Amino acid sequence: MNSQFELEIAKSIEILRKGGTLLYPTDTIWGIGCDATDAKAVEKIYRIKKRSESKSLIILLASLEEIQNYVETFPEIARDLMSNVDKPLTIIYPKARNLAPNVIAPDGSIAIRIVRDDFCKKLITILGKPIVSTSANISGEPAPLVFRCVSPEISQQVDYVVGLYHDILHEVKPSRIIKLNENGEFNVIRP
């Protein structure tokens, strides 16, 4: 990895550990993130986005093995779904745990995506905790596909803007979302 990449990881980790927020590139679109176990940091994200706390957030993890730390049960169907997709997939699991209460949906569920992106993977691995990922826009406005589409209203409110991939378009839309119920059945929420 190049020194700019390593420098951005180090600075981002420093911000996250202090309870700060990031504007960062994900494996889908530009996102706003923080340590998903820090309730005050999660609260900042809701404020920046002008989003109701009743609308839950997605968290990112670096590997499948980490999921069991944040949900009571990890159904085999989830592993099957993840192994059979060719694009980013977010799965909503029932009975979240070990996370900031305000990152968990009112019904106790949590939306989790395993990242493929090198920057996000390394960030999560070094931090040792999941990070929040929500589109870098004011709630109700279009999600930014590339950095130049991020509103100054967002970029000026986060604690740090990651200085990588400003000219790169990853995916052109947010991840697919599937919701699991406790019986292992699932519904497609966003195709």
Protein backbone atom coordinates (compact mmCIF):
# COMPACT_ATOMS: atom_id res chain seq x y z
CA MET A 1 0.00 0.00 0.00
CA ASN A 2 1.22 3.51 -0.68
CA SER A 3 2.11 6.04 1.98
CA GLN A 4 -0.94 8.26 1.23
CA PHE A 5 -3.20 5.25 1.88
CA GLU A 6 -1.42 4.47 5.18
CA LEU A 7 -1.51 8.14 6.22
CA GLU A 8 -5.28 8.32 5.59
CA ILE A 9 -5.86 5.12 7.58
CA ALA A 10 -3.84 6.49 10.53
CA LYS A 11 -5.63 9.87 10.53
CA SER A 12 -9.07 8.21 10.20
CA ILE A 13 -8.34 5.84 13.11
CA GLU A 14 -7.25 8.79 15.26
CA ILE A 15 -10.53 10.60 14.51
CA LEU A 16 -12.70 7.51 15.11
CA ARG A 17 -11.01 6.73 18.43
CA LYS A 18 -11.74 10.28 19.62
CA GLY A 19 -15.46 9.86 18.86
CA GLY A 20 -15.27 11.77 15.58
CA THR A 21 -17.03 11.42 12.25
CA LEU A 22 -15.58 10.73 8.79
CA LEU A 23 -16.58 11.47 5.23
CA TYR A 24 -15.09 8.46 3.47
CA PRO A 25 -15.20 6.27 0.36
CA THR A 26 -16.93 2.91 0.83
CA ASP A 27 -17.32 -0.08 -1.47
CA THR A 28 -20.51 1.54 -2.78
CA ILE A 29 -20.97 5.32 -2.49
CA TRP A 30 -19.41 8.08 -0.34
CA GLY A 31 -20.47 7.70 3.27
CA ILE A 32 -20.46 9.34 6.67
CA GLY A 33 -19.11 7.07 9.37
CA CYS A 34 -18.08 6.70 12.98
CA ASP A 35 -17.37 3.99 15.55
CA ALA A 36 -20.66 2.02 15.66
CA THR A 37 -20.21 1.35 19.39
CA ASP A 38 -20.01 5.06 20.31
CA ALA A 39 -23.51 6.49 20.94
CA LYS A 40 -22.35 10.13 20.97
CA ALA A 41 -20.58 9.72 17.62
CA VAL A 42 -23.69 8.04 16.15
CA GLU A 43 -25.78 10.96 17.43
CA LYS A 44 -23.49 13.37 15.52
CA ILE A 45 -24.21 11.48 12.30
CA TYR A 46 -27.97 11.80 12.77
CA ARG A 47 -27.48 15.54 13.37
CA ILE A 48 -25.27 16.00 10.28
CA LYS A 49 -27.76 14.15 8.07
CA LYS A 50 -30.80 15.81 9.70
CA ARG A 51 -32.17 12.29 9.99
CA SER A 52 -34.67 10.89 12.46
CA GLU A 53 -33.09 8.49 14.95
CA SER A 54 -36.00 6.12 14.26
CA LYS A 55 -34.34 5.39 10.88
CA SER A 56 -31.55 2.92 11.56
CA LEU A 57 -28.07 2.96 10.06
CA ILE A 58 -25.89 0.37 8.31
CA ILE A 59 -22.70 -0.85 9.94
CA LEU A 60 -19.67 -2.21 8.10
CA LEU A 61 -17.55 -5.18 9.15
CA ALA A 62 -14.35 -6.55 7.62
CA SER A 63 -15.24 -10.26 7.77
CA LEU A 64 -18.08 -12.75 8.18
CA GLU A 65 -16.56 -14.03 11.42
CA GLU A 66 -17.19 -10.66 13.11
CA ILE A 67 -20.97 -10.79 12.60
CA GLN A 68 -21.55 -13.14 15.55
CA ASN A 69 -20.17 -10.42 17.87
CA TYR A 70 -23.00 -8.06 16.93
CA VAL A 71 -26.09 -10.29 16.50
CA GLU A 72 -27.49 -13.02 18.74
CA THR A 73 -27.75 -15.55 15.92
CA PHE A 74 -26.03 -15.80 12.56
CA PRO A 75 -28.29 -17.99 10.39
CA GLU A 76 -26.68 -20.22 7.76
CA ILE A 77 -28.93 -18.62 5.12
CA ALA A 78 -27.01 -15.35 5.62
CA ARG A 79 -23.72 -17.07 4.79
CA ASP A 80 -25.36 -18.63 1.69
CA LEU A 81 -26.77 -15.28 0.55
CA MET A 82 -23.39 -13.56 0.92
CA SER A 83 -21.51 -16.27 -0.94
CA ASN A 84 -23.89 -16.06 -3.91
CA VAL A 85 -23.76 -12.34 -4.66
CA ASP A 86 -21.52 -10.42 -7.00
CA LYS A 87 -22.28 -6.95 -5.63
CA PRO A 88 -22.34 -5.36 -2.17
CA LEU A 89 -25.04 -6.86 0.03
CA THR A 90 -26.43 -5.50 3.29
CA ILE A 91 -28.32 -7.96 5.48
CA ILE A 92 -30.62 -6.85 8.29
CA TYR A 93 -30.34 -9.24 11.24
CA PRO A 94 -32.72 -9.49 14.22
CA LYS A 95 -31.47 -9.06 17.78
CA ALA A 96 -28.44 -6.77 17.53
CA ARG A 97 -25.98 -6.54 20.42
CA ASN A 98 -22.70 -4.89 21.50
CA LEU A 99 -23.47 -1.71 19.52
CA ALA A 100 -24.46 1.85 20.39
CA PRO A 101 -28.21 1.72 21.19
CA ASN A 102 -28.95 4.50 18.67
CA VAL A 103 -27.42 2.54 15.78
CA ILE A 104 -29.90 -0.31 16.36
CA ALA A 105 -33.36 -0.08 14.77
CA PRO A 106 -36.42 0.28 17.04
CA ASP A 107 -37.28 -3.40 16.37
CA GLY A 108 -33.84 -4.47 17.67
CA SER A 109 -32.39 -5.26 14.25
CA ILE A 110 -29.13 -4.11 12.65
CA ALA A 111 -28.11 -3.76 9.00
CA ILE A 112 -24.61 -5.18 8.34
CA ARG A 113 -22.47 -5.20 5.20
CA ILE A 114 -19.16 -7.03 4.85
CA VAL A 115 -16.90 -4.68 2.89
CA ARG A 116 -14.73 -5.61 -0.05
CA ASP A 117 -12.99 -2.25 -0.29
CA ASP A 118 -9.35 -2.25 0.91
CA PHE A 119 -9.60 1.10 2.68
CA CYS A 120 -12.73 0.16 4.67
CA LYS A 121 -11.42 -3.33 5.47
CA LYS A 122 -8.15 -2.00 6.86
CA LEU A 123 -9.90 0.79 8.78
CA ILE A 124 -12.28 -1.65 10.50
CA THR A 125 -9.55 -4.20 11.17
CA ILE A 126 -7.23 -1.67 12.84
CA LEU A 127 -10.06 0.01 14.78
CA GLY A 128 -11.24 -3.42 15.93
CA LYS A 129 -14.87 -2.28 15.82
CA PRO A 130 -17.59 -1.87 13.20
CA ILE A 131 -18.08 1.52 11.58
CA VAL A 132 -21.30 3.23 10.63
CA SER A 133 -21.93 3.74 6.94
CA THR A 134 -24.68 6.05 5.78
CA SER A 135 -24.86 7.95 2.53
CA ALA A 136 -23.11 11.33 2.63
CA ASN A 137 -26.21 13.43 2.08
CA ILE A 138 -28.89 15.30 3.99
CA SER A 139 -31.77 12.89 4.61
CA GLY A 140 -34.10 12.84 1.61
CA GLU A 141 -31.58 14.29 -0.86
CA PRO A 142 -29.82 12.23 -3.57
CA ALA A 143 -26.89 10.08 -2.43
CA PRO A 144 -23.51 11.22 -3.81
CA LEU A 145 -21.97 8.71 -6.23
CA VAL A 146 -18.65 10.57 -6.41
CA PHE A 147 -16.85 12.90 -4.03
CA ARG A 148 -17.56 16.09 -6.01
CA CYS A 149 -21.31 15.48 -5.48
CA VAL A 150 -21.00 15.64 -1.68
CA SER A 151 -22.64 18.82 -0.39
CA PRO A 152 -20.41 21.31 1.48
CA GLU A 153 -23.11 21.17 4.17
CA ILE A 154 -21.94 17.59 4.82
CA SER A 155 -18.20 17.92 4.24
CA GLN A 156 -17.92 20.95 6.55
CA GLN A 157 -19.69 19.22 9.46
CA VAL A 158 -17.71 15.96 9.66
CA ASP A 159 -14.52 15.84 11.69
CA TYR A 160 -12.39 14.51 8.84
CA VAL A 161 -12.64 14.11 5.06
CA VAL A 162 -10.61 11.14 3.79
CA GLY A 163 -8.24 12.30 1.06
CA LEU A 164 -8.44 9.21 -1.17
CA TYR A 165 -10.40 8.25 -4.29
CA HIS A 166 -11.93 11.68 -4.87
CA ASP A 167 -11.98 11.04 -8.63
CA ILE A 168 -13.00 7.37 -8.60
CA LEU A 169 -16.49 5.99 -9.10
CA HIS A 170 -16.91 2.63 -7.33
CA GLU A 171 -20.44 1.28 -7.62
CA VAL A 172 -23.11 3.48 -9.10
CA LYS A 173 -25.72 2.73 -6.44
CA PRO A 174 -26.10 1.72 -2.80
CA SER A 175 -25.96 -1.93 -1.76
CA ARG A 176 -28.76 -4.47 -2.12
CA ILE A 177 -30.60 -4.89 1.22
CA ILE A 178 -32.15 -8.13 2.48
CA LYS A 179 -33.95 -8.50 5.83
CA LEU A 180 -33.80 -11.80 7.73
CA ASN A 181 -36.36 -12.80 10.31
CA GLU A 182 -35.73 -15.08 13.28
CA ASN A 183 -36.90 -18.14 11.32
CA GLY A 184 -34.20 -17.64 8.69
CA GLU A 185 -36.69 -16.43 6.07
CA PHE A 186 -35.83 -13.25 4.18
CA ASN A 187 -37.35 -10.37 2.21
CA VAL A 188 -35.60 -8.16 -0.35
CA ILE A 189 -35.89 -4.56 0.89
CA ARG A 190 -33.78 -2.88 -1.82
CA PRO A 191 -32.93 -4.90 -4.98
